[in-house]
Protein backbone atom coordinates (compact mmCIF):
# COMPACT_ATOMS: atom_id res chain seq x y z
CA SER A 1 75.47 144.23 26.64
CA THR A 2 74.49 145.27 30.16
CA PHE A 3 70.75 144.93 29.52
CA TYR A 4 69.07 141.86 28.05
CA LEU A 5 65.89 143.32 26.56
CA ASN A 6 64.24 140.07 25.47
CA ARG A 7 64.64 138.24 28.77
CA GLU A 8 61.74 137.91 31.21
CA ASN A 9 61.95 140.31 34.18
CA ILE A 10 62.09 138.24 37.39
CA PRO A 11 61.94 140.61 40.41
CA ASN A 12 64.22 139.96 43.39
CA LYS A 13 66.43 137.56 41.41
CA LEU A 14 70.22 137.62 41.50
CA ASP A 15 72.44 135.33 39.46
CA LEU A 16 76.20 135.12 39.91
CA PHE A 17 78.50 133.72 37.24
CA VAL A 18 81.86 132.51 38.57
CA ALA A 19 84.81 130.41 37.50
CA PRO A 20 86.04 127.80 40.01
CA GLY A 21 89.49 128.57 41.37
CA ASP A 22 89.51 132.10 39.94
CA ASP A 23 90.75 134.62 42.55
CA SER A 24 88.16 137.25 41.58
CA SER A 25 85.33 134.72 41.81
CA VAL A 26 86.46 133.66 45.29
CA LYS A 27 86.61 137.29 46.47
CA VAL A 28 83.21 138.19 45.05
CA GLU A 29 81.56 135.27 46.85
CA LYS A 30 82.99 136.51 50.17
CA ASN A 31 81.52 139.98 49.55
CA LEU A 32 78.21 138.53 48.36
CA LYS A 33 77.72 136.54 51.58
CA GLU A 34 76.87 139.66 53.61
CA PHE A 35 74.34 140.74 50.96
CA LEU A 36 72.66 137.31 50.88
CA ASP A 37 72.58 137.09 54.68
CA THR A 38 70.77 140.46 54.76
CA PHE A 39 68.40 139.98 51.80
CA GLU A 40 66.48 136.81 52.64
CA GLU A 41 63.85 137.27 49.91
CA VAL A 42 66.38 137.27 47.07
CA LYS A 43 66.15 134.34 44.67
CA PHE A 44 69.85 133.54 44.20
CA GLU A 45 71.56 131.17 41.78
CA LYS A 46 75.24 130.58 41.09
CA HIS A 47 76.39 129.54 37.62
CA LEU A 48 79.65 128.04 36.42
CA PRO A 49 81.26 128.45 32.96
CA ASP A 50 79.69 125.28 31.53
CA ASP A 51 76.14 126.04 32.79
CA LYS A 52 73.39 126.45 30.20
CA LEU A 53 72.60 130.07 31.17
CA THR A 54 76.28 131.06 31.07
CA GLN A 55 76.53 129.68 27.54
CA GLU A 56 73.20 131.21 26.46
CA LEU A 57 74.29 134.70 27.55
CA GLY A 58 77.76 134.28 26.07
CA ILE A 59 79.51 135.08 29.35
CA LYS A 60 83.25 134.55 29.04
CA THR A 61 84.67 136.72 31.85
CA PHE A 62 84.02 136.28 35.55
CA PRO A 63 82.60 137.29 37.97
CA ILE A 64 79.36 138.64 36.49
CA PHE A 65 76.08 139.49 38.24
CA LEU A 66 72.65 139.37 36.59
CA ILE A 67 69.82 141.24 38.34
CA ASN A 68 66.18 140.33 37.70
CA ASN A 69 67.25 138.14 34.75
CA GLN A 70 67.94 141.28 32.67
CA VAL A 71 70.64 143.67 33.98
CA LYS A 72 74.31 142.68 34.09
CA PHE A 73 77.23 144.15 36.03
CA SER A 74 80.68 142.75 36.60
CA GLY A 75 83.72 142.69 38.81
CA VAL A 76 84.56 142.22 42.46
CA GLN A 77 82.15 144.52 44.30
CA SER A 78 81.59 145.37 47.96
CA ALA A 79 78.42 144.16 49.66
CA ASP A 80 77.12 147.75 49.65
CA THR A 81 77.74 148.15 45.89
CA ILE A 82 75.94 144.86 45.20
CA LYS A 83 73.05 146.15 47.34
CA GLY A 84 73.01 149.48 45.50
CA ASN A 85 72.84 147.86 42.07
CA PHE A 86 70.20 145.38 43.21
CA CYS A 87 68.06 148.03 44.95
CA LYS A 88 67.95 150.26 41.85
CA LEU A 89 65.64 147.61 40.38
CA ASN A 90 64.04 146.08 43.48
CA LYS A 91 62.32 147.71 46.43
CA LEU A 92 62.81 145.60 49.53
CA LYS A 93 62.91 146.75 53.15
CA GLU A 94 66.55 145.61 53.39
CA CYS A 95 67.51 148.29 50.84
CA GLU A 96 67.48 150.80 53.71
CA LYS A 97 70.28 148.95 55.54
CA SER A 98 73.96 149.80 55.24
CA LEU A 99 76.36 147.06 54.26
CA SER A 100 80.16 146.91 54.13
CA LYS A 101 81.65 149.39 51.71
CA SER A 102 85.08 147.74 51.69
CA LEU A 103 86.07 144.62 49.80
CA ARG A 104 86.74 141.38 51.65
CA CYS A 105 89.75 139.52 50.36
């Protein structure tokens, strides 16, 4: 599922689910840094495979993003793609800024 209907909507929240030592998880955190440095109002949390929320949502592949506690997307994404997905659901002044469109490895 990419939408968790019965979960509370928490605006400006971004969760990242990663696996330690996983190449994709390492890459996604590098790309996410630019987004987090730009969006200071974002409530961000990182979750590992054994975390309660990871287990509750049944997440088995990594990396996964969860926006506003309801909408999921996956994969290694550029900072600009992360911004685009986040800004579809949240209206912050930083949404007008351009971020890197290429992946950092």
